[in-house]
């Protein structure tokens, strides 16, 4: 099933293509390759190992996964 929906960093109102109900998506965040790369760079550049954990605490460094709140189906991803 292909949809031409552009997912963004915020929840969107749409009709779920799986349960056909009007919904506002639920967002869950997940560390991405970008998050891991930034942590690795901070680990090498920073003298403190604690600095490498910063990207895991910053929401803009993570992917936003959109889910249907009714059927809990994955709908799409927004990657910064």
PDB file of N, CA and C in Angstrom:
ATOM      1  N   UNK A   1       0.848  -1.170   0.000  1.00  0.00           N
ATOM      2  CA  UNK A   1       0.000   0.000   0.000  1.00  0.00           C
ATOM      3  C   UNK A   1       0.897   1.238   0.000  1.00  0.00           C
ATOM      4  N   UNK A   2       0.757   2.060  -1.010  1.00  0.00           N
ATOM      5  CA  UNK A   2       1.598   3.243  -1.133  1.00  0.00           C
ATOM      6  C   UNK A   2       0.772   4.487  -0.856  1.00  0.00           C
ATOM      7  N   UNK A   3       1.304   5.351  -0.022  1.00  0.00           N
ATOM      8  CA  UNK A   3       0.659   6.629   0.254  1.00  0.00           C
ATOM      9  C   UNK A   3       1.657   7.739  -0.016  1.00  0.00           C
ATOM     10  N   UNK A   4       1.152   8.881  -0.414  1.00  0.00           N
ATOM     11  CA  UNK A   4       2.008  10.031  -0.708  1.00  0.00           C
ATOM     12  C   UNK A   4       1.968  11.039   0.424  1.00  0.00           C
ATOM     13  N   UNK A   5       1.931  10.580   1.641  1.00  0.00           N
ATOM     14  CA  UNK A   5       1.878  11.450   2.806  1.00  0.00           C
ATOM     15  C   UNK A   5       3.295  11.814   3.211  1.00  0.00           C
ATOM     16  N   UNK A   6       3.516  13.087   3.458  1.00  0.00           N
ATOM     17  CA  UNK A   6       4.814  13.534   3.958  1.00  0.00           C
ATOM     18  C   UNK A   6       4.711  13.674   5.473  1.00  0.00           C
ATOM     19  N   UNK A   7       5.427  12.833   6.153  1.00  0.00           N
ATOM     20  CA  UNK A   7       5.418  12.864   7.610  1.00  0.00           C
ATOM     21  C   UNK A   7       6.421  13.902   8.082  1.00  0.00           C
ATOM     22  N   UNK A   8       6.038  14.639   9.113  1.00  0.00           N
ATOM     23  CA  UNK A   8       6.897  15.679   9.657  1.00  0.00           C
ATOM     24  C   UNK A   8       7.265  15.381  11.096  1.00  0.00           C
ATOM     25  N   UNK A   9       7.853  16.365  11.768  1.00  0.00           N
ATOM     26  CA  UNK A   9       8.263  16.154  13.150  1.00  0.00           C
ATOM     27  C   UNK A   9       7.097  16.170  14.142  1.00  0.00           C
ATOM     28  N   UNK A  10       5.921  16.624  13.696  1.00  0.00           N
ATOM     29  CA  UNK A  10       4.752  16.723  14.569  1.00  0.00           C
ATOM     30  C   UNK A  10       3.677  15.729  14.135  1.00  0.00           C
ATOM     31  N   UNK A  11       2.765  15.367  15.051  1.00  0.00           N
ATOM     32  CA  UNK A  11       1.666  14.469  14.684  1.00  0.00           C
ATOM     33  C   UNK A  11       0.819  15.099  13.579  1.00  0.00           C
ATOM     34  N   UNK A  12       0.272  14.265  12.715  1.00  0.00           N
ATOM     35  CA  UNK A  12      -0.578  14.761  11.637  1.00  0.00           C
ATOM     36  C   UNK A  12      -1.946  14.089  11.699  1.00  0.00           C
ATOM     37  N   UNK A  13      -2.957  14.808  11.204  1.00  0.00           N
ATOM     38  CA  UNK A  13      -4.306  14.258  11.114  1.00  0.00           C
ATOM     39  C   UNK A  13      -4.441  13.601   9.750  1.00  0.00           C
ATOM     40  N   UNK A  14      -4.932  12.369   9.739  1.00  0.00           N
ATOM     41  CA  UNK A  14      -5.066  11.627   8.489  1.00  0.00           C
ATOM     42  C   UNK A  14      -6.044  10.485   8.681  1.00  0.00           C
ATOM     43  N   UNK A  15      -6.336   9.777   7.610  1.00  0.00           N
ATOM     44  CA  UNK A  15      -7.110   8.545   7.692  1.00  0.00           C
ATOM     45  C   UNK A  15      -6.119   7.397   7.624  1.00  0.00           C
ATOM     46  N   UNK A  16      -6.146   6.532   8.602  1.00  0.00           N
ATOM     47  CA  UNK A  16      -5.228   5.392   8.630  1.00  0.00           C
ATOM     48  C   UNK A  16      -5.530   4.475   7.448  1.00  0.00           C
ATOM     49  N   UNK A  17      -4.510   4.153   6.628  1.00  0.00           N
ATOM     50  CA  UNK A  17      -4.743   3.279   5.482  1.00  0.00           C
ATOM     51  C   UNK A  17      -4.993   1.811   5.874  1.00  0.00           C
ATOM     52  N   UNK A  18      -4.807   1.468   7.135  1.00  0.00           N
ATOM     53  CA  UNK A  18      -4.987   0.085   7.575  1.00  0.00           C
ATOM     54  C   UNK A  18      -6.338  -0.141   8.250  1.00  0.00           C
ATOM     55  N   UNK A  19      -6.726   0.766   9.159  1.00  0.00           N
ATOM     56  CA  UNK A  19      -8.020   0.601   9.840  1.00  0.00           C
ATOM     57  C   UNK A  19      -9.094   1.547   9.294  1.00  0.00           C
ATOM     58  N   UNK A  20      -8.714   2.441   8.376  1.00  0.00           N
ATOM     59  CA  UNK A  20      -9.633   3.389   7.719  1.00  0.00           C
ATOM     60  C   UNK A  20     -10.387   4.287   8.693  1.00  0.00           C
ATOM     61  N   UNK A  21      -9.763   4.643   9.787  1.00  0.00           N
ATOM     62  CA  UNK A  21     -10.354   5.543  10.778  1.00  0.00           C
ATOM     63  C   UNK A  21      -9.621   6.884  10.733  1.00  0.00           C
ATOM     64  N   UNK A  22     -10.331   7.991  10.997  1.00  0.00           N
ATOM     65  CA  UNK A  22      -9.644   9.286  11.094  1.00  0.00           C
ATOM     66  C   UNK A  22      -8.834   9.322  12.397  1.00  0.00           C
ATOM     67  N   UNK A  23      -7.567   9.662  12.281  1.00  0.00           N
ATOM     68  CA  UNK A  23      -6.669   9.625  13.444  1.00  0.00           C
ATOM     69  C   UNK A  23      -5.733  10.818  13.442  1.00  0.00           C
ATOM     70  N   UNK A  24      -5.098  11.050  14.567  1.00  0.00           N
ATOM     71  CA  UNK A  24      -3.930  11.919  14.677  1.00  0.00           C
ATOM     72  C   UNK A  24      -2.803  10.985  15.071  1.00  0.00           C
ATOM     73  N   UNK A  25      -1.753  10.965  14.273  1.00  0.00           N
ATOM     74  CA  UNK A  25      -0.683   9.993  14.500  1.00  0.00           C
ATOM     75  C   UNK A  25      -0.014  10.182  15.855  1.00  0.00           C
ATOM     76  N   UNK A  26       0.503   9.089  16.371  1.00  0.00           N
ATOM     77  CA  UNK A  26       1.289   9.087  17.603  1.00  0.00           C
ATOM     78  C   UNK A  26       2.748   8.968  17.182  1.00  0.00           C
ATOM     79  N   UNK A  27       3.592   9.787  17.805  1.00  0.00           N
ATOM     80  CA  UNK A  27       5.009   9.779  17.434  1.00  0.00           C
ATOM     81  C   UNK A  27       5.837   9.102  18.511  1.00  0.00           C
ATOM     82  N   UNK A  28       6.702   8.210  18.047  1.00  0.00           N
ATOM     83  CA  UNK A  28       7.700   7.587  18.912  1.00  0.00           C
ATOM     84  C   UNK A  28       9.055   7.926  18.315  1.00  0.00           C
ATOM     85  N   UNK A  29      10.032   8.214  19.168  1.00  0.00           N
ATOM     86  CA  UNK A  29      11.362   8.556  18.660  1.00  0.00           C
ATOM     87  C   UNK A  29      12.285   7.354  18.770  1.00  0.00           C
ATOM     88  N   UNK A  30      13.260   7.328  17.863  1.00  0.00           N
ATOM     89  CA  UNK A  30      14.211   6.225  17.815  1.00  0.00           C
ATOM     90  C   UNK A  30      15.556   6.787  17.374  1.00  0.00           C
ATOM     91  N   UNK A  31      16.647   6.414  18.052  1.00  0.00           N
ATOM     92  CA  UNK A  31      17.964   6.876  17.603  1.00  0.00           C
ATOM     93  C   UNK A  31      18.226   6.414  16.168  1.00  0.00           C
ATOM     94  N   UNK A  32      18.824   7.301  15.402  1.00  0.00           N
ATOM     95  CA  UNK A  32      19.117   6.996  14.004  1.00  0.00           C
ATOM     96  C   UNK A  32      20.621   6.850  13.795  1.00  0.00           C
ATOM     97  N   UNK A  33      21.013   6.614  12.557  1.00  0.00           N
ATOM     98  CA  UNK A  33      22.437   6.557  12.233  1.00  0.00           C
ATOM     99  C   UNK A  33      23.098   7.894  12.534  1.00  0.00           C
ATOM    100  N   UNK A  34      22.344   8.972  12.308  1.00  0.00           N
ATOM    101  CA  UNK A  34      22.842  10.321  12.609  1.00  0.00           C
ATOM    102  C   UNK A  34      23.142  10.462  14.102  1.00  0.00           C
ATOM    103  N   UNK A  35      22.280   9.933  14.936  1.00  0.00           N
ATOM    104  CA  UNK A  35      22.474   9.989  16.385  1.00  0.00           C
ATOM    105  C   UNK A  35      23.755   9.267  16.780  1.00  0.00           C
ATOM    106  N   UNK A  36      23.944   8.061  16.253  1.00  0.00           N
ATOM    107  CA  UNK A  36      25.125   7.269  16.579  1.00  0.00           C
ATOM    108  C   UNK A  36      26.404   7.926  16.053  1.00  0.00           C
ATOM    109  N   UNK A  37      26.336   8.523  14.863  1.00  0.00           N
ATOM    110  CA  UNK A  37      27.499   9.196  14.284  1.00  0.00           C
ATOM    111  C   UNK A  37      27.901  10.411  15.112  1.00  0.00           C
ATOM    112  N   UNK A  38      26.919  11.218  15.521  1.00  0.00           N
ATOM    113  CA  UNK A  38      27.217  12.378  16.366  1.00  0.00           C
ATOM    114  C   UNK A  38      27.811  11.952  17.706  1.00  0.00           C
ATOM    115  N   UNK A  39      27.308  10.880  18.274  1.00  0.00           N
ATOM    116  CA  UNK A  39      27.850  10.376  19.543  1.00  0.00           C
ATOM    117  C   UNK A  39      29.295   9.930  19.369  1.00  0.00           C
ATOM    118  N   UNK A  40      29.582   9.274  18.258  1.00  0.00           N
ATOM    119  CA  UNK A  40      30.944   8.827  17.982  1.00  0.00           C
ATOM    120  C   UNK A  40      31.892  10.013  17.798  1.00  0.00           C
ATOM    121  N   UNK A  41      31.453  11.025  17.072  1.00  0.00           N
ATOM    122  CA  UNK A  41      32.272  12.231  16.870  1.00  0.00           C
ATOM    123  C   UNK A  41      32.528  12.933  18.193  1.00  0.00           C
ATOM    124  N   UNK A  42      31.496  13.065  19.025  1.00  0.00           N
ATOM    125  CA  UNK A  42      31.676  13.704  20.328  1.00  0.00           C
ATOM    126  C   UNK A  42      32.589  12.898  21.230  1.00  0.00           C
ATOM    127  N   UNK A  43      32.555  11.597  21.098  1.00  0.00           N
ATOM    128  CA  UNK A  43      33.426  10.736  21.900  1.00  0.00           C
ATOM    129  C   UNK A  43      34.891  10.969  21.533  1.00  0.00           C
ATOM    130  N   UNK A  44      35.178  11.112  20.236  1.00  0.00           N
ATOM    131  CA  UNK A  44      36.553  11.329  19.791  1.00  0.00           C
ATOM    132  C   UNK A  44      37.034  12.755  20.044  1.00  0.00           C
ATOM    133  N   UNK A  45      36.140  13.743  19.859  1.00  0.00           N
ATOM    134  CA  UNK A  45      36.532  15.143  20.009  1.00  0.00           C
ATOM    135  C   UNK A  45      36.487  15.634  21.450  1.00  0.00           C
ATOM    136  N   UNK A  46      35.531  15.137  22.203  1.00  0.00           N
ATOM    137  CA  UNK A  46      35.387  15.576  23.591  1.00  0.00           C
ATOM    138  C   UNK A  46      36.281  14.771  24.507  1.00  0.00           C
ATOM    139  N   UNK A  47      36.779  15.402  25.531  1.00  0.00           N
ATOM    140  CA  UNK A  47      37.631  14.699  26.479  1.00  0.00           C
ATOM    141  C   UNK A  47      36.827  13.847  27.441  1.00  0.00           C
ATOM    142  N   UNK A  48      35.547  14.161  27.542  1.00  0.00           N
ATOM    143  CA  UNK A  48      34.683  13.477  28.498  1.00  0.00           C
ATOM    144  C   UNK A  48      33.786  12.477  27.775  1.00  0.00           C
ATOM    145  N   UNK A  49      33.697  11.275  28.284  1.00  0.00           N
ATOM    146  CA  UNK A  49      32.840  10.260  27.671  1.00  0.00           C
ATOM    147  C   UNK A  49      31.361  10.583  27.851  1.00  0.00           C
ATOM    148  N   UNK A  50      31.027  11.407  28.833  1.00  0.00           N
ATOM    149  CA  UNK A  50      29.626  11.778  29.059  1.00  0.00           C
ATOM    150  C   UNK A  50      29.080  12.629  27.922  1.00  0.00           C
ATOM    151  N   UNK A  51      29.952  13.354  27.222  1.00  0.00           N
ATOM    152  CA  UNK A  51      29.520  14.207  26.110  1.00  0.00           C
ATOM    153  C   UNK A  51      28.915  13.389  24.977  1.00  0.00           C
ATOM    154  N   UNK A  52      29.358  12.166  24.820  1.00  0.00           N
ATOM    155  CA  UNK A  52      28.864  11.352  23.715  1.00  0.00           C
ATOM    156  C   UNK A  52      27.405  10.938  23.904  1.00  0.00           C
ATOM    157  N   UNK A  53      26.854  11.115  25.102  1.00  0.00           N
ATOM    158  CA  UNK A  53      25.464  10.749  25.360  1.00  0.00           C
ATOM    159  C   UNK A  53      24.480  11.852  24.988  1.00  0.00           C
ATOM    160  N   UNK A  54      24.981  13.049  24.722  1.00  0.00           N
ATOM    161  CA  UNK A  54      24.115  14.196  24.423  1.00  0.00           C
ATOM    162  C   UNK A  54      23.178  13.933  23.247  1.00  0.00           C
ATOM    163  N   UNK A  55      23.647  13.388  22.102  1.00  0.00           N
ATOM    164  CA  UNK A  55      22.718  13.166  20.981  1.00  0.00           C
ATOM    165  C   UNK A  55      21.541  12.245  21.312  1.00  0.00           C
ATOM    166  N   UNK A  56      21.706  11.364  22.280  1.00  0.00           N
ATOM    167  CA  UNK A  56      20.613  10.463  22.662  1.00  0.00           C
ATOM    168  C   UNK A  56      19.547  11.166  23.507  1.00  0.00           C
ATOM    169  N   UNK A  57      19.862  12.364  23.998  1.00  0.00           N
ATOM    170  CA  UNK A  57      18.919  13.131  24.808  1.00  0.00           C
ATOM    171  C   UNK A  57      18.247  14.258  24.026  1.00  0.00           C
ATOM    172  N   UNK A  58      18.724  14.544  22.825  1.00  0.00           N
ATOM    173  CA  UNK A  58      18.205  15.641  22.013  1.00  0.00           C
ATOM    174  C   UNK A  58      17.214  15.072  20.987  1.00  0.00           C
ATOM    175  N   UNK A  59      15.942  15.458  21.094  1.00  0.00           N
ATOM    176  CA  UNK A  59      14.932  14.898  20.185  1.00  0.00           C
ATOM    177  C   UNK A  59      15.204  15.166  18.699  1.00  0.00           C
ATOM    178  N   UNK A  60      15.827  16.282  18.370  1.00  0.00           N
ATOM    179  CA  UNK A  60      16.063  16.596  16.957  1.00  0.00           C
ATOM    180  C   UNK A  60      17.121  15.690  16.322  1.00  0.00           C
ATOM    181  N   UNK A  61      17.843  14.927  17.125  1.00  0.00           N
ATOM    182  CA  UNK A  61      18.842  13.987  16.598  1.00  0.00           C
ATOM    183  C   UNK A  61      18.252  12.600  16.348  1.00  0.00           C
ATOM    184  N   UNK A  62      16.968  12.450  16.619  1.00  0.00           N
ATOM    185  CA  UNK A  62      16.338  11.140  16.478  1.00  0.00           C
ATOM    186  C   UNK A  62      15.298  11.152  15.361  1.00  0.00           C
ATOM    187  N   UNK A  63      15.012   9.980  14.808  1.00  0.00           N
ATOM    188  CA  UNK A  63      13.947   9.835  13.824  1.00  0.00           C
ATOM    189  C   UNK A  63      12.604   9.841  14.544  1.00  0.00           C
ATOM    190  N   UNK A  64      11.581  10.378  13.875  1.00  0.00           N
ATOM    191  CA  UNK A  64      10.219  10.385  14.407  1.00  0.00           C
ATOM    192  C   UNK A  64       9.412   9.344  13.641  1.00  0.00           C
ATOM    193  N   UNK A  65       8.944   8.326  14.336  1.00  0.00           N
ATOM    194  CA  UNK A  65       8.153   7.264  13.731  1.00  0.00           C
ATOM    195  C   UNK A  65       6.681   7.521  14.025  1.00  0.00           C
ATOM    196  N   UNK A  66       5.855   7.549  12.982  1.00  0.00           N
ATOM    197  CA  UNK A  66       4.424   7.812  13.120  1.00  0.00           C
ATOM    198  C   UNK A  66       3.675   6.483  13.189  1.00  0.00           C
ATOM    199  N   UNK A  67       2.784   6.379  14.174  1.00  0.00           N
ATOM    200  CA  UNK A  67       1.964   5.181  14.372  1.00  0.00           C
ATOM    201  C   UNK A  67       0.494   5.560  14.480  1.00  0.00           C
ATOM    202  N   UNK A  68      -0.377   4.630  14.109  1.00  0.00           N
ATOM    203  CA  UNK A  68      -1.812   4.809  14.292  1.00  0.00           C
ATOM    204  C   UNK A  68      -2.149   4.512  15.753  1.00  0.00           C
ATOM    205  N   UNK A  69      -2.866   5.428  16.442  1.00  0.00           N
ATOM    206  CA  UNK A  69      -3.207   5.172  17.845  1.00  0.00           C
ATOM    207  C   UNK A  69      -4.290   4.104  18.015  1.00  0.00           C
ATOM    208  N   UNK A  70      -5.033   3.799  16.965  1.00  0.00           N
ATOM    209  CA  UNK A  70      -6.112   2.807  17.066  1.00  0.00           C
ATOM    210  C   UNK A  70      -5.618   1.379  16.828  1.00  0.00           C
ATOM    211  N   UNK A  71      -4.873   1.182  15.730  1.00  0.00           N
ATOM    212  CA  UNK A  71      -4.429  -0.182  15.403  1.00  0.00           C
ATOM    213  C   UNK A  71      -2.935  -0.383  15.658  1.00  0.00           C
ATOM    214  N   UNK A  72      -2.242   0.653  16.129  1.00  0.00           N
ATOM    215  CA  UNK A  72      -0.818   0.623  16.468  1.00  0.00           C
ATOM    216  C   UNK A  72       0.065   0.160  15.298  1.00  0.00           C
ATOM    217  N   UNK A  73      -0.337   0.528  14.087  1.00  0.00           N
ATOM    218  CA  UNK A  73       0.412   0.176  12.892  1.00  0.00           C
ATOM    219  C   UNK A  73       1.394   1.286  12.555  1.00  0.00           C
ATOM    220  N   UNK A  74       2.596   0.896  12.173  1.00  0.00           N
ATOM    221  CA  UNK A  74       3.609   1.855  11.732  1.00  0.00           C
ATOM    222  C   UNK A  74       3.158   2.456  10.414  1.00  0.00           C
ATOM    223  N   UNK A  75       3.212   3.813  10.323  1.00  0.00           N
ATOM    224  CA  UNK A  75       2.738   4.498   9.121  1.00  0.00           C
ATOM    225  C   UNK A  75       3.850   5.142   8.314  1.00  0.00           C
ATOM    226  N   UNK A  76       4.885   5.641   8.982  1.00  0.00           N
ATOM    227  CA  UNK A  76       5.973   6.302   8.259  1.00  0.00           C
ATOM    228  C   UNK A  76       6.960   6.935   9.201  1.00  0.00           C
ATOM    229  N   UNK A  77       8.051   7.447   8.629  1.00  0.00           N
ATOM    230  CA  UNK A  77       9.141   8.035   9.412  1.00  0.00           C
ATOM    231  C   UNK A  77       9.489   9.414   8.906  1.00  0.00           C
ATOM    232  N   UNK A  78       9.804  10.297   9.845  1.00  0.00           N
ATOM    233  CA  UNK A  78      10.391  11.595   9.528  1.00  0.00           C
ATOM    234  C   UNK A  78      11.829  11.556  10.023  1.00  0.00           C
ATOM    235  N   UNK A  79      12.759  11.719   9.107  1.00  0.00           N
ATOM    236  CA  UNK A  79      14.179  11.742   9.465  1.00  0.00           C
ATOM    237  C   UNK A  79      14.725  13.132   9.212  1.00  0.00           C
ATOM    238  N   UNK A  80      15.353  13.707  10.214  1.00  0.00           N
ATOM    239  CA  UNK A  80      15.950  15.042  10.077  1.00  0.00           C
ATOM    240  C   UNK A  80      17.070  15.033   9.089  1.00  0.00           C
TER     241      UNK A  80
END
